[in-house]
Amino acid sequence: GLMHVAAAVGTPIVAVYGSTSPHNTPPLAEQRELVWLGLSCSPCHRKICPLGHLNCLNTLEVAQVAAATERLLEMPAAA
């Protein structure tokens, strides 16, 4: 929800996806970076992992999100 509100007002976004998919619900912002592992079990769109491991988020590295943030910061500002 809030990611989409931020996109609507032009805020640059780093969107982190776990059980959902950036293909189904991307932020409609020009300045965005999407972080998603795209595991074979995702997207399941479940709040509780049906496989009991939550690897879509647990194996996501902080460095991946940091790199996405750096790429976003390097983008020219939207006019």
N, C-alpha and C. Protein backbone atom coordinates (compact mmCIF):
# COMPACT_ATOMS: atom_id res chain seq x y z
N GLY A 1 0.79 -1.20 0.00
CA GLY A 1 0.00 0.00 0.00
C GLY A 1 0.84 1.27 0.00
N LEU A 2 1.70 1.42 0.98
CA LEU A 2 2.47 2.66 1.11
C LEU A 2 3.45 2.84 -0.04
N MET A 3 3.97 1.75 -0.59
CA MET A 3 4.86 1.85 -1.74
C MET A 3 4.12 2.52 -2.90
N HIS A 4 2.87 2.17 -3.09
CA HIS A 4 2.09 2.73 -4.19
C HIS A 4 1.73 4.19 -3.93
N VAL A 5 1.48 4.54 -2.68
CA VAL A 5 1.23 5.94 -2.33
C VAL A 5 2.49 6.76 -2.59
N ALA A 6 3.65 6.24 -2.18
CA ALA A 6 4.91 6.94 -2.42
C ALA A 6 5.15 7.13 -3.91
N ALA A 7 4.87 6.10 -4.70
CA ALA A 7 5.04 6.20 -6.15
C ALA A 7 4.10 7.25 -6.74
N ALA A 8 2.90 7.33 -6.22
CA ALA A 8 1.91 8.28 -6.73
C ALA A 8 2.34 9.73 -6.53
N VAL A 9 3.13 9.99 -5.50
CA VAL A 9 3.58 11.36 -5.25
C VAL A 9 5.01 11.59 -5.72
N GLY A 10 5.57 10.63 -6.48
CA GLY A 10 6.87 10.83 -7.11
C GLY A 10 8.08 10.53 -6.25
N THR A 11 7.91 9.77 -5.19
CA THR A 11 9.04 9.43 -4.33
C THR A 11 9.85 8.30 -4.94
N PRO A 12 11.18 8.43 -5.01
CA PRO A 12 12.01 7.30 -5.47
C PRO A 12 11.83 6.11 -4.52
N ILE A 13 11.79 4.89 -5.08
CA ILE A 13 11.44 3.71 -4.30
C ILE A 13 12.40 2.56 -4.53
N VAL A 14 12.81 1.93 -3.44
CA VAL A 14 13.42 0.61 -3.49
C VAL A 14 12.35 -0.33 -2.97
N ALA A 15 11.81 -1.17 -3.84
CA ALA A 15 10.73 -2.07 -3.47
C ALA A 15 11.29 -3.48 -3.28
N VAL A 16 11.05 -4.05 -2.10
CA VAL A 16 11.52 -5.39 -1.77
C VAL A 16 10.32 -6.33 -1.82
N TYR A 17 10.45 -7.38 -2.62
CA TYR A 17 9.39 -8.36 -2.78
C TYR A 17 9.81 -9.69 -2.20
N GLY A 18 8.90 -10.34 -1.51
CA GLY A 18 9.13 -11.68 -0.98
C GLY A 18 8.16 -12.63 -1.63
N SER A 19 6.99 -12.80 -1.02
CA SER A 19 5.99 -13.75 -1.53
C SER A 19 5.15 -13.17 -2.66
N THR A 20 5.34 -11.91 -2.96
CA THR A 20 4.62 -11.28 -4.07
C THR A 20 5.58 -11.10 -5.25
N SER A 21 5.07 -10.54 -6.33
CA SER A 21 5.88 -10.42 -7.53
C SER A 21 5.90 -8.99 -8.05
N PRO A 22 7.06 -8.51 -8.46
CA PRO A 22 7.11 -7.18 -9.07
C PRO A 22 6.43 -7.17 -10.43
N HIS A 23 6.19 -8.33 -11.00
CA HIS A 23 5.49 -8.39 -12.29
C HIS A 23 3.99 -8.11 -12.12
N ASN A 24 3.45 -8.46 -10.96
CA ASN A 24 2.02 -8.28 -10.70
C ASN A 24 1.69 -6.94 -10.06
N THR A 25 2.56 -6.47 -9.19
CA THR A 25 2.25 -5.27 -8.41
C THR A 25 3.43 -4.31 -8.33
N PRO A 26 3.96 -3.86 -9.47
CA PRO A 26 5.13 -2.96 -9.40
C PRO A 26 4.72 -1.56 -8.98
N PRO A 27 5.64 -0.83 -8.36
CA PRO A 27 5.35 0.58 -8.09
C PRO A 27 5.40 1.34 -9.42
N LEU A 28 4.44 2.19 -9.64
CA LEU A 28 4.38 2.95 -10.89
C LEU A 28 5.14 4.26 -10.71
N ALA A 29 6.44 4.12 -10.52
CA ALA A 29 7.33 5.26 -10.32
C ALA A 29 8.45 5.19 -11.36
N GLU A 30 8.88 6.35 -11.82
CA GLU A 30 9.99 6.38 -12.77
C GLU A 30 11.30 6.00 -12.09
N GLN A 31 11.49 6.49 -10.88
CA GLN A 31 12.72 6.21 -10.14
C GLN A 31 12.43 5.08 -9.17
N ARG A 32 12.80 3.87 -9.59
CA ARG A 32 12.54 2.71 -8.74
C ARG A 32 13.59 1.65 -8.98
N GLU A 33 13.80 0.86 -7.96
CA GLU A 33 14.63 -0.33 -8.03
C GLU A 33 13.83 -1.45 -7.38
N LEU A 34 13.78 -2.58 -8.05
CA LEU A 34 13.03 -3.72 -7.56
C LEU A 34 13.98 -4.81 -7.10
N VAL A 35 13.75 -5.32 -5.90
CA VAL A 35 14.59 -6.38 -5.34
C VAL A 35 13.69 -7.59 -5.12
N TRP A 36 14.02 -8.67 -5.83
CA TRP A 36 13.22 -9.89 -5.77
C TRP A 36 14.09 -11.06 -6.14
N LEU A 37 14.01 -12.14 -5.40
CA LEU A 37 14.84 -13.31 -5.68
C LEU A 37 14.25 -14.18 -6.78
N GLY A 38 12.95 -14.15 -6.97
CA GLY A 38 12.32 -14.95 -8.01
C GLY A 38 12.55 -16.44 -7.84
N LEU A 39 12.40 -16.92 -6.62
CA LEU A 39 12.61 -18.35 -6.34
C LEU A 39 11.56 -19.20 -7.05
N SER A 40 11.83 -20.48 -7.17
CA SER A 40 10.89 -21.38 -7.85
C SER A 40 9.55 -21.47 -7.12
N CYS A 41 9.53 -21.17 -5.83
CA CYS A 41 8.30 -21.24 -5.05
C CYS A 41 7.56 -19.89 -5.00
N SER A 42 8.10 -18.89 -5.64
CA SER A 42 7.45 -17.58 -5.59
C SER A 42 7.04 -17.13 -6.97
N PRO A 43 6.02 -16.32 -7.08
CA PRO A 43 5.27 -15.76 -5.97
C PRO A 43 4.15 -16.69 -5.52
N CYS A 44 4.01 -16.84 -4.23
CA CYS A 44 2.91 -17.64 -3.68
C CYS A 44 1.81 -16.73 -3.14
N HIS A 45 2.15 -15.46 -2.87
CA HIS A 45 1.21 -14.46 -2.36
C HIS A 45 0.62 -14.84 -1.01
N ARG A 46 1.35 -15.59 -0.22
CA ARG A 46 0.89 -16.00 1.11
C ARG A 46 1.59 -15.19 2.18
N LYS A 47 0.89 -14.91 3.26
CA LYS A 47 1.49 -14.21 4.40
C LYS A 47 2.31 -15.16 5.25
N ILE A 48 1.91 -16.45 5.26
CA ILE A 48 2.64 -17.48 5.98
C ILE A 48 3.15 -18.47 4.93
N CYS A 49 4.44 -18.75 4.95
CA CYS A 49 5.06 -19.61 3.95
C CYS A 49 4.46 -21.01 3.99
N PRO A 50 3.86 -21.47 2.89
CA PRO A 50 3.29 -22.82 2.88
C PRO A 50 4.36 -23.92 2.93
N LEU A 51 5.61 -23.57 2.66
CA LEU A 51 6.70 -24.54 2.73
C LEU A 51 7.46 -24.46 4.05
N GLY A 52 7.12 -23.47 4.87
CA GLY A 52 7.72 -23.35 6.20
C GLY A 52 9.12 -22.78 6.25
N HIS A 53 9.61 -22.16 5.16
CA HIS A 53 10.98 -21.66 5.21
C HIS A 53 11.11 -20.16 4.97
N LEU A 54 10.21 -19.54 4.30
CA LEU A 54 10.24 -18.10 4.00
C LEU A 54 11.55 -17.68 3.34
N ASN A 55 12.09 -18.54 2.49
CA ASN A 55 13.36 -18.26 1.82
C ASN A 55 13.30 -17.02 0.93
N CYS A 56 12.12 -16.67 0.46
CA CYS A 56 12.00 -15.50 -0.40
C CYS A 56 12.45 -14.23 0.31
N LEU A 57 12.40 -14.22 1.63
CA LEU A 57 12.90 -13.07 2.40
C LEU A 57 14.13 -13.43 3.22
N ASN A 58 14.16 -14.63 3.79
CA ASN A 58 15.28 -15.01 4.64
C ASN A 58 16.61 -15.12 3.91
N THR A 59 16.58 -15.41 2.62
CA THR A 59 17.84 -15.52 1.88
C THR A 59 18.17 -14.25 1.10
N LEU A 60 17.34 -13.25 1.23
CA LEU A 60 17.61 -11.96 0.60
C LEU A 60 18.70 -11.26 1.41
N GLU A 61 19.75 -10.90 0.74
CA GLU A 61 20.90 -10.29 1.42
C GLU A 61 20.74 -8.78 1.56
N VAL A 62 21.19 -8.25 2.67
CA VAL A 62 21.19 -6.80 2.87
C VAL A 62 21.97 -6.12 1.76
N ALA A 63 23.03 -6.76 1.30
CA ALA A 63 23.85 -6.19 0.23
C ALA A 63 23.05 -5.99 -1.06
N GLN A 64 22.08 -6.87 -1.32
CA GLN A 64 21.25 -6.72 -2.52
C GLN A 64 20.38 -5.46 -2.43
N VAL A 65 19.83 -5.23 -1.26
CA VAL A 65 19.00 -4.04 -1.05
C VAL A 65 19.88 -2.79 -1.06
N ALA A 66 21.05 -2.88 -0.46
CA ALA A 66 21.98 -1.74 -0.45
C ALA A 66 22.42 -1.40 -1.87
N ALA A 67 22.69 -2.41 -2.69
CA ALA A 67 23.09 -2.16 -4.08
C ALA A 67 21.96 -1.50 -4.86
N ALA A 68 20.73 -1.94 -4.62
CA ALA A 68 19.58 -1.32 -5.28
C ALA A 68 19.44 0.13 -4.86
N THR A 69 19.69 0.40 -3.59
CA THR A 69 19.62 1.77 -3.08
C THR A 69 20.69 2.63 -3.73
N GLU A 70 21.88 2.09 -3.87
CA GLU A 70 22.97 2.83 -4.52
C GLU A 70 22.62 3.14 -5.97
N ARG A 71 22.06 2.17 -6.69
CA ARG A 71 21.66 2.41 -8.08
C ARG A 71 20.59 3.51 -8.15
N LEU A 72 19.67 3.48 -7.21
CA LEU A 72 18.61 4.49 -7.19
C LEU A 72 19.20 5.87 -6.92
N LEU A 73 20.14 5.96 -6.02
CA LEU A 73 20.76 7.24 -5.70
C LEU A 73 21.57 7.79 -6.87
N GLU A 74 22.04 6.91 -7.75
CA GLU A 74 22.82 7.35 -8.91
C GLU A 74 21.93 7.82 -10.07
N MET A 75 20.64 7.53 -10.00
CA MET A 75 19.72 7.95 -11.07
C MET A 75 19.55 9.45 -11.05
N PRO A 76 19.46 10.06 -12.23
CA PRO A 76 19.18 11.49 -12.26
C PRO A 76 17.78 11.78 -11.69
N ALA A 77 17.65 12.90 -11.05
CA ALA A 77 16.36 13.27 -10.44
C ALA A 77 15.30 13.43 -11.53
N ALA A 78 14.10 13.02 -11.21
CA ALA A 78 12.97 13.15 -12.16
C ALA A 78 12.61 14.63 -12.28
N ALA A 79 12.22 15.01 -13.47
CA ALA A 79 11.87 16.41 -13.71
C ALA A 79 10.47 16.72 -13.25
